[in-house]
């Protein structure tokens, strides 16, 4: 989906909540939403039945909690 400025933060052994945080940006709201929707679709196909998603209606930012991995998708500003 051509997400930009993607950074993965390894928190294994540092956080009891999750092992990785992935932060990335989309160019505009529609791009942020498309990235998030495709990630959720891929997670479900991989067997993560119900990832928790916040922020999808507005798409200024979206948070996806997939258990051990949390993904934040933002607009650059």
N, C-alpha and C. Protein backbone atom coordinates (compact mmCIF):
# COMPACT_ATOMS: atom_id res chain seq x y z
N UNK A 1 0.81 -1.20 0.00
CA UNK A 1 0.00 0.00 0.00
C UNK A 1 0.86 1.26 0.00
N UNK A 2 2.15 1.11 -0.11
CA UNK A 2 3.09 2.23 -0.18
C UNK A 2 3.04 3.14 1.04
N UNK A 3 2.97 2.53 2.21
CA UNK A 3 3.08 3.29 3.45
C UNK A 3 4.47 3.92 3.48
N UNK A 4 4.59 5.05 4.14
CA UNK A 4 5.83 5.79 4.16
C UNK A 4 6.39 5.90 5.57
N UNK A 5 7.70 6.06 5.65
CA UNK A 5 8.40 6.30 6.92
C UNK A 5 8.05 5.25 7.98
N UNK A 6 8.07 3.99 7.60
CA UNK A 6 7.71 2.91 8.51
C UNK A 6 8.86 2.62 9.46
N UNK A 7 8.54 2.56 10.74
CA UNK A 7 9.51 2.27 11.80
C UNK A 7 8.94 1.15 12.66
N UNK A 8 9.76 0.15 12.95
CA UNK A 8 9.37 -0.92 13.87
C UNK A 8 10.18 -0.77 15.14
N UNK A 9 9.48 -0.74 16.27
CA UNK A 9 10.12 -0.60 17.57
C UNK A 9 9.99 -1.92 18.31
N UNK A 10 11.12 -2.51 18.63
CA UNK A 10 11.17 -3.80 19.32
C UNK A 10 11.08 -3.56 20.82
N UNK A 11 10.00 -4.02 21.43
CA UNK A 11 9.80 -3.85 22.87
C UNK A 11 9.83 -5.17 23.63
N UNK A 12 10.33 -6.23 22.99
CA UNK A 12 10.39 -7.51 23.67
C UNK A 12 11.22 -7.38 24.94
N UNK A 13 10.66 -7.83 26.04
CA UNK A 13 11.35 -7.76 27.32
C UNK A 13 11.26 -6.40 27.99
N UNK A 14 10.67 -5.41 27.32
CA UNK A 14 10.57 -4.06 27.87
C UNK A 14 9.12 -3.67 28.20
N UNK A 15 8.17 -4.39 27.61
CA UNK A 15 6.76 -4.09 27.81
C UNK A 15 6.00 -5.38 28.04
N UNK A 16 5.12 -5.37 29.01
CA UNK A 16 4.29 -6.55 29.27
C UNK A 16 3.07 -6.58 28.36
N UNK A 17 2.80 -5.47 27.66
CA UNK A 17 1.60 -5.39 26.83
C UNK A 17 1.80 -5.92 25.42
N UNK A 18 2.92 -5.60 24.78
CA UNK A 18 3.15 -6.06 23.41
C UNK A 18 4.63 -6.12 23.13
N UNK A 19 4.98 -6.81 22.04
CA UNK A 19 6.38 -7.01 21.68
C UNK A 19 6.89 -6.00 20.65
N UNK A 20 6.02 -5.55 19.78
CA UNK A 20 6.43 -4.62 18.73
C UNK A 20 5.40 -3.51 18.57
N UNK A 21 5.89 -2.33 18.24
CA UNK A 21 5.05 -1.22 17.80
C UNK A 21 5.55 -0.84 16.41
N UNK A 22 4.63 -0.76 15.47
CA UNK A 22 4.96 -0.35 14.12
C UNK A 22 4.27 0.99 13.88
N UNK A 23 5.04 1.98 13.43
CA UNK A 23 4.51 3.31 13.17
C UNK A 23 4.78 3.62 11.70
N UNK A 24 3.75 4.09 10.99
CA UNK A 24 3.91 4.41 9.58
C UNK A 24 2.98 5.55 9.22
N UNK A 25 3.18 6.12 8.05
CA UNK A 25 2.32 7.21 7.61
C UNK A 25 1.71 6.92 6.25
N UNK A 26 0.55 7.53 6.04
CA UNK A 26 -0.11 7.54 4.74
C UNK A 26 -0.23 8.99 4.30
N UNK A 27 -0.29 9.22 3.02
CA UNK A 27 -0.26 10.59 2.49
C UNK A 27 -1.49 11.42 2.85
N UNK A 28 -2.67 10.83 2.76
CA UNK A 28 -3.93 11.54 3.04
C UNK A 28 -4.85 10.56 3.78
N UNK A 29 -6.00 11.06 4.25
CA UNK A 29 -6.93 10.22 5.02
C UNK A 29 -7.27 8.93 4.29
N UNK A 30 -7.56 9.03 3.02
CA UNK A 30 -7.96 7.84 2.25
C UNK A 30 -6.83 6.81 2.21
N UNK A 31 -5.59 7.28 2.10
CA UNK A 31 -4.44 6.38 2.09
C UNK A 31 -4.26 5.71 3.46
N UNK A 32 -4.41 6.48 4.53
CA UNK A 32 -4.33 5.93 5.89
C UNK A 32 -5.38 4.83 6.07
N UNK A 33 -6.61 5.11 5.64
CA UNK A 33 -7.68 4.11 5.75
C UNK A 33 -7.42 2.87 4.93
N UNK A 34 -6.90 3.04 3.72
CA UNK A 34 -6.61 1.89 2.86
C UNK A 34 -5.50 1.02 3.44
N UNK A 35 -4.47 1.65 3.99
CA UNK A 35 -3.40 0.88 4.64
C UNK A 35 -3.98 0.07 5.79
N UNK A 36 -4.75 0.73 6.65
CA UNK A 36 -5.32 0.06 7.82
C UNK A 36 -6.25 -1.08 7.42
N UNK A 37 -7.12 -0.84 6.46
CA UNK A 37 -8.05 -1.89 6.03
C UNK A 37 -7.33 -3.09 5.45
N UNK A 38 -6.27 -2.85 4.70
CA UNK A 38 -5.50 -3.97 4.14
C UNK A 38 -4.74 -4.73 5.21
N UNK A 39 -4.23 -4.04 6.22
CA UNK A 39 -3.55 -4.72 7.32
C UNK A 39 -4.55 -5.59 8.09
N UNK A 40 -5.72 -5.05 8.38
CA UNK A 40 -6.75 -5.82 9.10
C UNK A 40 -7.14 -7.05 8.28
N UNK A 41 -7.32 -6.89 7.00
CA UNK A 41 -7.67 -8.02 6.12
C UNK A 41 -6.57 -9.09 6.16
N UNK A 42 -5.31 -8.68 6.07
CA UNK A 42 -4.20 -9.62 6.10
C UNK A 42 -4.10 -10.32 7.46
N UNK A 43 -4.35 -9.59 8.54
CA UNK A 43 -4.33 -10.20 9.87
C UNK A 43 -5.39 -11.27 10.00
N UNK A 44 -6.59 -10.97 9.51
CA UNK A 44 -7.67 -11.96 9.57
C UNK A 44 -7.33 -13.19 8.74
N UNK A 45 -6.71 -12.99 7.58
CA UNK A 45 -6.30 -14.13 6.75
C UNK A 45 -5.20 -14.94 7.42
N UNK A 46 -4.41 -14.29 8.27
CA UNK A 46 -3.33 -14.97 8.99
C UNK A 46 -3.81 -15.64 10.27
N UNK A 47 -5.11 -15.50 10.58
CA UNK A 47 -5.65 -16.18 11.75
C UNK A 47 -5.87 -15.31 12.97
N UNK A 48 -5.58 -14.02 12.87
CA UNK A 48 -5.88 -13.10 13.97
C UNK A 48 -7.34 -12.71 13.78
N UNK A 49 -8.22 -13.36 14.51
CA UNK A 49 -9.66 -13.28 14.24
C UNK A 49 -10.25 -11.88 14.39
N UNK A 50 -9.90 -11.17 15.44
CA UNK A 50 -10.56 -9.89 15.69
C UNK A 50 -9.56 -8.85 16.21
N UNK A 51 -8.71 -8.32 15.34
CA UNK A 51 -7.82 -7.25 15.82
C UNK A 51 -8.64 -6.03 16.21
N UNK A 52 -8.24 -5.37 17.28
CA UNK A 52 -8.96 -4.17 17.75
C UNK A 52 -8.50 -2.98 16.91
N UNK A 53 -9.46 -2.23 16.36
CA UNK A 53 -9.14 -1.10 15.49
C UNK A 53 -9.80 0.16 16.04
N UNK A 54 -9.03 1.25 16.11
CA UNK A 54 -9.56 2.55 16.54
C UNK A 54 -9.17 3.60 15.51
N UNK A 55 -10.03 4.59 15.32
CA UNK A 55 -9.71 5.72 14.47
C UNK A 55 -10.05 5.56 13.00
N UNK A 56 -10.61 4.42 12.61
CA UNK A 56 -10.88 4.17 11.20
C UNK A 56 -11.95 5.09 10.59
N UNK A 57 -12.97 5.50 11.32
CA UNK A 57 -13.98 6.36 10.68
C UNK A 57 -13.43 7.68 10.12
N UNK A 58 -12.50 8.32 10.82
CA UNK A 58 -11.96 9.60 10.35
C UNK A 58 -10.67 9.46 9.55
N UNK A 59 -9.89 8.45 9.87
CA UNK A 59 -8.64 8.13 9.17
C UNK A 59 -7.56 9.21 9.29
N UNK A 60 -7.63 10.07 10.31
CA UNK A 60 -6.50 10.95 10.59
C UNK A 60 -5.36 10.11 11.15
N UNK A 61 -5.73 9.13 11.94
CA UNK A 61 -4.82 8.13 12.50
C UNK A 61 -5.63 6.87 12.70
N UNK A 62 -4.96 5.74 12.67
CA UNK A 62 -5.62 4.46 12.95
C UNK A 62 -4.67 3.64 13.80
N UNK A 63 -5.21 3.04 14.85
CA UNK A 63 -4.46 2.13 15.70
C UNK A 63 -5.04 0.73 15.52
N UNK A 64 -4.16 -0.23 15.29
CA UNK A 64 -4.58 -1.63 15.15
C UNK A 64 -3.82 -2.43 16.20
N UNK A 65 -4.57 -3.05 17.11
CA UNK A 65 -3.99 -3.88 18.16
C UNK A 65 -4.18 -5.34 17.75
N UNK A 66 -3.08 -5.99 17.41
CA UNK A 66 -3.13 -7.39 16.97
C UNK A 66 -2.50 -8.31 18.02
N UNK A 67 -2.59 -7.93 19.27
CA UNK A 67 -2.03 -8.77 20.33
C UNK A 67 -0.61 -8.37 20.66
N UNK A 68 0.35 -9.11 20.16
CA UNK A 68 1.76 -8.82 20.42
C UNK A 68 2.31 -7.67 19.59
N UNK A 69 1.55 -7.24 18.59
CA UNK A 69 1.98 -6.16 17.70
C UNK A 69 0.90 -5.09 17.65
N UNK A 70 1.33 -3.83 17.78
CA UNK A 70 0.42 -2.70 17.65
C UNK A 70 0.91 -1.85 16.48
N UNK A 71 -0.01 -1.47 15.61
CA UNK A 71 0.32 -0.66 14.45
C UNK A 71 -0.39 0.67 14.55
N UNK A 72 0.36 1.76 14.35
CA UNK A 72 -0.19 3.11 14.27
C UNK A 72 0.03 3.62 12.86
N UNK A 73 -1.04 4.06 12.21
CA UNK A 73 -0.93 4.66 10.88
C UNK A 73 -1.42 6.09 11.02
N UNK A 74 -0.57 7.05 10.61
CA UNK A 74 -0.88 8.47 10.76
C UNK A 74 -0.76 9.18 9.43
N UNK A 75 -1.33 10.37 9.36
CA UNK A 75 -1.00 11.29 8.27
C UNK A 75 0.27 12.00 8.69
N UNK A 76 1.09 12.49 7.75
CA UNK A 76 2.38 13.08 8.10
C UNK A 76 2.30 14.26 9.07
N UNK A 77 1.27 15.08 8.93
CA UNK A 77 1.21 16.23 9.83
C UNK A 77 0.78 15.83 11.21
